[in-house]
Amino acid sequence: MATIYKEIRLEADPGKVWDAVRDVGQVHQRLVPGILVDTRMVGNAREVRFANGLVVRELIVTLDDDARRLVYASVAGRATHHNASFQVFAEGEDRTRLVWITDLLPDELAVPIGKTVEQVAAVIKRTLES
């Protein structure tokens, strides 16, 4: 199983970062505007629409306010398995380390999804620091 590990260092208040991450129905506005153009909640899942028209259904597995951790799993699509988590760590009053871990199969998807993670991470950083 491939794992993509990404740390995003932010000049932003950890509480505000967690507030944006945990707002799972507004990810297209609060974390990655321009990459995602819409989010629709369907029970405990969200359907996210990418700017290129791709729609992905993500089951919300864990939303843990104490640990500041979100876990979601993509269902259907190219991957036979896709599980990801975001966790927010305070590194001072106005500094945050956001850790994004994705586990997926087949392994061959690691390169294209890794490129997407890099693009999305840059948008997350720009959005949360503005």
N, C-alpha and C. Protein backbone atom coordinates (compact mmCIF):
# COMPACT_ATOMS: atom_id res chain seq x y z
N MET A 1 0.85 -1.18 0.00
CA MET A 1 0.00 0.00 0.00
C MET A 1 0.89 1.23 0.00
N ALA A 2 0.58 2.18 -0.86
CA ALA A 2 1.33 3.43 -0.93
C ALA A 2 0.84 4.39 0.13
N THR A 3 1.78 5.16 0.67
CA THR A 3 1.45 6.21 1.64
C THR A 3 2.06 7.52 1.16
N ILE A 4 1.24 8.56 1.19
CA ILE A 4 1.71 9.91 0.87
C ILE A 4 1.62 10.70 2.17
N TYR A 5 2.76 11.23 2.60
CA TYR A 5 2.83 11.98 3.86
C TYR A 5 3.20 13.41 3.52
N LYS A 6 2.39 14.36 3.95
CA LYS A 6 2.64 15.77 3.66
C LYS A 6 2.44 16.61 4.91
N GLU A 7 3.46 17.38 5.27
CA GLU A 7 3.35 18.36 6.36
C GLU A 7 3.27 19.74 5.74
N ILE A 8 2.32 20.52 6.23
CA ILE A 8 2.15 21.88 5.76
C ILE A 8 2.37 22.80 6.96
N ARG A 9 3.41 23.61 6.92
CA ARG A 9 3.71 24.57 7.99
C ARG A 9 2.96 25.86 7.68
N LEU A 10 2.20 26.32 8.65
CA LEU A 10 1.33 27.47 8.45
C LEU A 10 1.62 28.57 9.46
N GLU A 11 1.61 29.78 8.99
CA GLU A 11 1.63 30.96 9.86
C GLU A 11 0.16 31.30 10.11
N ALA A 12 -0.47 30.52 10.98
CA ALA A 12 -1.90 30.67 11.24
C ALA A 12 -2.22 30.06 12.60
N ASP A 13 -3.24 30.61 13.24
CA ASP A 13 -3.70 30.14 14.54
C ASP A 13 -4.21 28.70 14.43
N PRO A 14 -3.71 27.78 15.26
CA PRO A 14 -4.14 26.37 15.19
C PRO A 14 -5.65 26.18 15.35
N GLY A 15 -6.27 26.97 16.20
CA GLY A 15 -7.72 26.87 16.38
C GLY A 15 -8.47 27.23 15.12
N LYS A 16 -8.01 28.26 14.42
CA LYS A 16 -8.65 28.66 13.17
C LYS A 16 -8.41 27.63 12.07
N VAL A 17 -7.21 27.04 12.07
CA VAL A 17 -6.92 26.00 11.08
C VAL A 17 -7.84 24.81 11.32
N TRP A 18 -7.97 24.37 12.57
CA TRP A 18 -8.84 23.24 12.86
C TRP A 18 -10.29 23.57 12.50
N ASP A 19 -10.73 24.78 12.78
CA ASP A 19 -12.10 25.17 12.45
C ASP A 19 -12.36 25.02 10.95
N ALA A 20 -11.38 25.37 10.13
CA ALA A 20 -11.54 25.24 8.67
C ALA A 20 -11.50 23.77 8.26
N VAL A 21 -10.59 22.99 8.82
CA VAL A 21 -10.47 21.57 8.46
C VAL A 21 -11.73 20.80 8.85
N ARG A 22 -12.26 21.08 10.04
CA ARG A 22 -13.41 20.33 10.54
C ARG A 22 -14.73 20.70 9.85
N ASP A 23 -14.72 21.80 9.11
CA ASP A 23 -15.92 22.24 8.40
C ASP A 23 -16.03 21.46 7.08
N VAL A 24 -16.31 20.17 7.20
CA VAL A 24 -16.21 19.24 6.08
C VAL A 24 -17.15 19.57 4.91
N GLY A 25 -18.21 20.27 5.17
CA GLY A 25 -19.14 20.64 4.12
C GLY A 25 -18.77 21.90 3.36
N GLN A 26 -17.73 22.58 3.83
CA GLN A 26 -17.32 23.83 3.19
C GLN A 26 -15.86 23.79 2.73
N VAL A 27 -15.34 22.58 2.52
CA VAL A 27 -13.94 22.41 2.13
C VAL A 27 -13.61 23.19 0.86
N HIS A 28 -14.57 23.31 -0.03
CA HIS A 28 -14.36 24.02 -1.29
C HIS A 28 -14.18 25.53 -1.09
N GLN A 29 -14.64 26.05 0.02
CA GLN A 29 -14.50 27.48 0.31
C GLN A 29 -13.42 27.76 1.33
N ARG A 30 -13.30 26.90 2.34
CA ARG A 30 -12.44 27.20 3.49
C ARG A 30 -11.02 26.66 3.36
N LEU A 31 -10.81 25.62 2.54
CA LEU A 31 -9.47 25.03 2.41
C LEU A 31 -8.91 25.12 0.99
N VAL A 32 -9.68 24.74 0.02
CA VAL A 32 -9.13 24.62 -1.34
C VAL A 32 -10.00 25.28 -2.41
N PRO A 33 -10.30 26.58 -2.24
CA PRO A 33 -11.07 27.25 -3.29
C PRO A 33 -10.29 27.23 -4.61
N GLY A 34 -11.04 26.98 -5.67
CA GLY A 34 -10.40 26.92 -6.99
C GLY A 34 -10.05 25.50 -7.39
N ILE A 35 -9.61 24.68 -6.44
CA ILE A 35 -9.37 23.26 -6.72
C ILE A 35 -10.71 22.52 -6.67
N LEU A 36 -11.44 22.74 -5.58
CA LEU A 36 -12.80 22.23 -5.46
C LEU A 36 -13.75 23.39 -5.69
N VAL A 37 -14.84 23.12 -6.40
CA VAL A 37 -15.80 24.18 -6.69
C VAL A 37 -17.13 24.00 -5.97
N ASP A 38 -17.33 22.80 -5.38
CA ASP A 38 -18.58 22.57 -4.65
C ASP A 38 -18.41 21.36 -3.73
N THR A 39 -19.19 21.37 -2.66
CA THR A 39 -19.26 20.23 -1.74
C THR A 39 -20.72 20.05 -1.36
N ARG A 40 -21.15 18.81 -1.39
CA ARG A 40 -22.53 18.50 -1.01
C ARG A 40 -22.49 17.38 0.01
N MET A 41 -23.10 17.59 1.18
CA MET A 41 -23.16 16.57 2.22
C MET A 41 -24.33 15.63 1.93
N VAL A 42 -24.03 14.33 2.04
CA VAL A 42 -25.04 13.29 1.86
C VAL A 42 -24.87 12.35 3.05
N GLY A 43 -25.65 12.55 4.10
CA GLY A 43 -25.48 11.77 5.33
C GLY A 43 -24.11 12.04 5.92
N ASN A 44 -23.34 10.97 6.18
CA ASN A 44 -22.01 11.14 6.76
C ASN A 44 -20.92 11.12 5.68
N ALA A 45 -21.30 11.47 4.48
CA ALA A 45 -20.34 11.55 3.37
C ALA A 45 -20.48 12.92 2.71
N ARG A 46 -19.41 13.28 2.00
CA ARG A 46 -19.48 14.50 1.20
C ARG A 46 -19.12 14.15 -0.23
N GLU A 47 -19.77 14.84 -1.15
CA GLU A 47 -19.42 14.74 -2.56
C GLU A 47 -18.73 16.03 -2.92
N VAL A 48 -17.47 15.92 -3.33
CA VAL A 48 -16.71 17.11 -3.70
C VAL A 48 -16.56 17.15 -5.22
N ARG A 49 -16.72 18.34 -5.77
CA ARG A 49 -16.58 18.53 -7.22
C ARG A 49 -15.32 19.35 -7.47
N PHE A 50 -14.41 18.75 -8.24
CA PHE A 50 -13.17 19.41 -8.62
C PHE A 50 -13.44 20.38 -9.77
N ALA A 51 -12.54 21.34 -9.95
CA ALA A 51 -12.68 22.33 -11.02
C ALA A 51 -12.71 21.65 -12.40
N ASN A 52 -12.07 20.49 -12.53
CA ASN A 52 -12.05 19.78 -13.82
C ASN A 52 -13.31 18.95 -14.06
N GLY A 53 -14.27 19.01 -13.12
CA GLY A 53 -15.54 18.29 -13.28
C GLY A 53 -15.62 16.96 -12.55
N LEU A 54 -14.48 16.42 -12.11
CA LEU A 54 -14.46 15.16 -11.38
C LEU A 54 -15.24 15.30 -10.07
N VAL A 55 -16.09 14.33 -9.77
CA VAL A 55 -16.83 14.29 -8.51
C VAL A 55 -16.35 13.08 -7.72
N VAL A 56 -15.99 13.31 -6.45
CA VAL A 56 -15.51 12.24 -5.58
C VAL A 56 -16.38 12.19 -4.34
N ARG A 57 -16.76 10.99 -3.96
CA ARG A 57 -17.54 10.79 -2.73
C ARG A 57 -16.57 10.38 -1.63
N GLU A 58 -16.61 11.11 -0.51
CA GLU A 58 -15.71 10.87 0.62
C GLU A 58 -16.53 10.62 1.89
N LEU A 59 -16.38 9.43 2.43
CA LEU A 59 -17.03 9.07 3.68
C LEU A 59 -16.25 9.71 4.83
N ILE A 60 -16.93 10.45 5.70
CA ILE A 60 -16.28 11.04 6.87
C ILE A 60 -16.22 9.95 7.93
N VAL A 61 -15.01 9.49 8.24
CA VAL A 61 -14.80 8.37 9.15
C VAL A 61 -14.67 8.86 10.58
N THR A 62 -13.84 9.88 10.81
CA THR A 62 -13.58 10.41 12.14
C THR A 62 -13.50 11.92 12.09
N LEU A 63 -14.14 12.57 13.05
CA LEU A 63 -14.01 14.00 13.25
C LEU A 63 -13.80 14.19 14.75
N ASP A 64 -12.54 14.29 15.15
CA ASP A 64 -12.15 14.27 16.56
C ASP A 64 -11.66 15.65 16.99
N ASP A 65 -12.52 16.39 17.69
CA ASP A 65 -12.16 17.74 18.11
C ASP A 65 -11.03 17.75 19.13
N ASP A 66 -10.96 16.75 20.00
CA ASP A 66 -9.90 16.72 21.01
C ASP A 66 -8.52 16.53 20.37
N ALA A 67 -8.42 15.64 19.41
CA ALA A 67 -7.15 15.37 18.74
C ALA A 67 -6.95 16.28 17.52
N ARG A 68 -7.98 17.06 17.18
CA ARG A 68 -7.96 17.90 15.98
C ARG A 68 -7.59 17.05 14.76
N ARG A 69 -8.38 16.01 14.56
CA ARG A 69 -8.08 15.03 13.51
C ARG A 69 -9.34 14.71 12.71
N LEU A 70 -9.19 14.75 11.40
CA LEU A 70 -10.24 14.37 10.46
C LEU A 70 -9.74 13.19 9.64
N VAL A 71 -10.57 12.16 9.52
CA VAL A 71 -10.25 11.01 8.67
C VAL A 71 -11.41 10.84 7.69
N TYR A 72 -11.04 10.62 6.42
CA TYR A 72 -12.06 10.37 5.42
C TYR A 72 -11.56 9.30 4.45
N ALA A 73 -12.50 8.65 3.79
CA ALA A 73 -12.18 7.61 2.82
C ALA A 73 -12.92 7.90 1.52
N SER A 74 -12.18 7.91 0.43
CA SER A 74 -12.82 8.03 -0.89
C SER A 74 -13.42 6.69 -1.24
N VAL A 75 -14.63 6.72 -1.73
CA VAL A 75 -15.30 5.49 -2.14
C VAL A 75 -15.55 5.54 -3.63
N ALA A 76 -15.31 4.43 -4.30
CA ALA A 76 -15.38 4.32 -5.76
C ALA A 76 -14.21 5.09 -6.36
N GLY A 77 -14.22 5.31 -7.64
CA GLY A 77 -13.12 6.02 -8.28
C GLY A 77 -12.00 5.10 -8.70
N ARG A 78 -10.84 5.68 -9.02
CA ARG A 78 -9.69 4.92 -9.54
C ARG A 78 -9.05 4.03 -8.48
N ALA A 79 -9.04 4.48 -7.24
CA ALA A 79 -8.36 3.73 -6.18
C ALA A 79 -9.25 2.60 -5.66
N THR A 80 -8.62 1.45 -5.41
CA THR A 80 -9.36 0.37 -4.78
C THR A 80 -9.41 0.58 -3.27
N HIS A 81 -8.49 1.40 -2.75
CA HIS A 81 -8.49 1.81 -1.34
C HIS A 81 -7.93 3.22 -1.28
N HIS A 82 -8.60 4.11 -0.55
CA HIS A 82 -8.12 5.48 -0.36
C HIS A 82 -8.63 5.97 0.98
N ASN A 83 -7.71 6.14 1.91
CA ASN A 83 -8.03 6.62 3.25
C ASN A 83 -7.06 7.75 3.55
N ALA A 84 -7.57 8.86 4.06
CA ALA A 84 -6.70 10.00 4.34
C ALA A 84 -7.08 10.64 5.66
N SER A 85 -6.10 11.33 6.24
CA SER A 85 -6.36 12.05 7.49
C SER A 85 -5.64 13.40 7.46
N PHE A 86 -6.25 14.34 8.15
CA PHE A 86 -5.64 15.63 8.44
C PHE A 86 -5.56 15.73 9.96
N GLN A 87 -4.44 16.19 10.47
CA GLN A 87 -4.33 16.45 11.90
C GLN A 87 -3.61 17.78 12.10
N VAL A 88 -4.14 18.57 13.03
CA VAL A 88 -3.65 19.92 13.29
C VAL A 88 -2.84 19.92 14.59
N PHE A 89 -1.61 20.41 14.51
CA PHE A 89 -0.73 20.51 15.67
C PHE A 89 -0.32 21.96 15.88
N ALA A 90 -0.49 22.44 17.11
CA ALA A 90 -0.06 23.80 17.45
C ALA A 90 1.46 23.83 17.57
N GLU A 91 2.04 24.87 17.00
CA GLU A 91 3.48 25.10 17.13
C GLU A 91 3.69 26.54 17.57
N GLY A 92 2.92 26.94 18.57
CA GLY A 92 2.93 28.32 19.04
C GLY A 92 1.55 28.90 18.83
N GLU A 93 1.41 30.18 19.21
CA GLU A 93 0.11 30.83 19.12
C GLU A 93 -0.38 30.98 17.69
N ASP A 94 0.49 31.36 16.82
CA ASP A 94 0.10 31.64 15.45
C ASP A 94 0.85 30.79 14.44
N ARG A 95 1.23 29.60 14.86
CA ARG A 95 1.93 28.68 13.96
C ARG A 95 1.29 27.30 14.10
N THR A 96 1.13 26.65 12.96
CA THR A 96 0.46 25.35 12.92
C THR A 96 1.22 24.41 11.99
N ARG A 97 1.24 23.14 12.38
CA ARG A 97 1.71 22.08 11.49
C ARG A 97 0.50 21.23 11.15
N LEU A 98 0.15 21.21 9.89
CA LEU A 98 -0.98 20.43 9.41
C LEU A 98 -0.40 19.19 8.73
N VAL A 99 -0.74 18.01 9.25
CA VAL A 99 -0.22 16.75 8.71
C VAL A 99 -1.34 16.07 7.94
N TRP A 100 -1.03 15.74 6.68
CA TRP A 100 -1.99 15.10 5.77
C TRP A 100 -1.38 13.77 5.33
N ILE A 101 -2.03 12.67 5.68
CA ILE A 101 -1.54 11.34 5.33
C ILE A 101 -2.60 10.63 4.49
N THR A 102 -2.15 10.09 3.37
CA THR A 102 -3.04 9.36 2.48
C THR A 102 -2.48 7.96 2.24
N ASP A 103 -3.30 6.94 2.45
CA ASP A 103 -2.95 5.56 2.14
C ASP A 103 -3.83 5.13 0.98
N LEU A 104 -3.21 4.48 -0.04
CA LEU A 104 -4.00 4.13 -1.20
C LEU A 104 -3.47 2.91 -1.93
N LEU A 105 -4.36 2.31 -2.66
CA LEU A 105 -4.07 1.21 -3.57
C LEU A 105 -4.79 1.49 -4.88
N PRO A 106 -4.29 1.09 -6.00
CA PRO A 106 -3.00 0.45 -6.20
C PRO A 106 -1.85 1.44 -6.05
N ASP A 107 -0.67 0.89 -5.82
CA ASP A 107 0.52 1.70 -5.59
C ASP A 107 0.81 2.66 -6.75
N GLU A 108 0.43 2.28 -7.96
CA GLU A 108 0.71 3.10 -9.14
C GLU A 108 0.05 4.47 -9.08
N LEU A 109 -0.95 4.63 -8.24
CA LEU A 109 -1.62 5.92 -8.11
C LEU A 109 -0.84 6.90 -7.23
N ALA A 110 0.19 6.43 -6.56
CA ALA A 110 0.93 7.30 -5.64
C ALA A 110 1.54 8.51 -6.36
N VAL A 111 2.06 8.32 -7.55
CA VAL A 111 2.68 9.45 -8.27
C VAL A 111 1.64 10.49 -8.68
N PRO A 112 0.58 10.13 -9.40
CA PRO A 112 -0.38 11.17 -9.77
C PRO A 112 -1.10 11.79 -8.57
N ILE A 113 -1.46 10.98 -7.60
CA ILE A 113 -2.13 11.55 -6.43
C ILE A 113 -1.15 12.37 -5.61
N GLY A 114 0.11 11.96 -5.54
CA GLY A 114 1.13 12.76 -4.86
C GLY A 114 1.28 14.14 -5.48
N LYS A 115 1.21 14.23 -6.80
CA LYS A 115 1.27 15.53 -7.48
C LYS A 115 0.06 16.39 -7.11
N THR A 116 -1.09 15.75 -7.04
CA THR A 116 -2.30 16.48 -6.65
C THR A 116 -2.18 16.98 -5.21
N VAL A 117 -1.65 16.14 -4.32
CA VAL A 117 -1.45 16.55 -2.92
C VAL A 117 -0.56 17.79 -2.85
N GLU A 118 0.50 17.83 -3.63
CA GLU A 118 1.39 19.00 -3.64
C GLU A 118 0.65 20.26 -4.09
N GLN A 119 -0.15 20.15 -5.13
CA GLN A 119 -0.92 21.29 -5.63
C GLN A 119 -1.94 21.76 -4.59
N VAL A 120 -2.64 20.80 -4.00
CA VAL A 120 -3.67 21.12 -3.01
C VAL A 120 -3.02 21.73 -1.76
N ALA A 121 -1.88 21.21 -1.33
CA ALA A 121 -1.20 21.73 -0.15
C ALA A 121 -0.83 23.21 -0.33
N ALA A 122 -0.40 23.57 -1.54
CA ALA A 122 -0.06 24.97 -1.80
C ALA A 122 -1.29 25.87 -1.67
N VAL A 123 -2.43 25.40 -2.15
CA VAL A 123 -3.67 26.17 -2.04
C VAL A 123 -4.12 26.26 -0.58
N ILE A 124 -4.01 25.15 0.16
CA ILE A 124 -4.36 25.16 1.59
C ILE A 124 -3.51 26.19 2.31
N LYS A 125 -2.22 26.20 2.06
CA LYS A 125 -1.31 27.14 2.72
C LYS A 125 -1.70 28.58 2.40
N ARG A 126 -1.90 28.86 1.13
CA ARG A 126 -2.27 30.22 0.71
C ARG A 126 -3.60 30.64 1.35
N THR A 127 -4.57 29.73 1.35
CA THR A 127 -5.90 30.04 1.87
C THR A 127 -5.87 30.28 3.37
N LEU A 128 -5.21 29.41 4.12
CA LEU A 128 -5.24 29.52 5.58
C LEU A 128 -4.33 30.62 6.13
N GLU A 129 -3.37 31.03 5.33
CA GLU A 129 -2.50 32.13 5.77
C GLU A 129 -3.01 33.51 5.37
N SER A 130 -4.07 33.54 4.56
CA SER A 130 -4.59 34.84 4.11
C SER A 130 -5.61 35.40 5.09
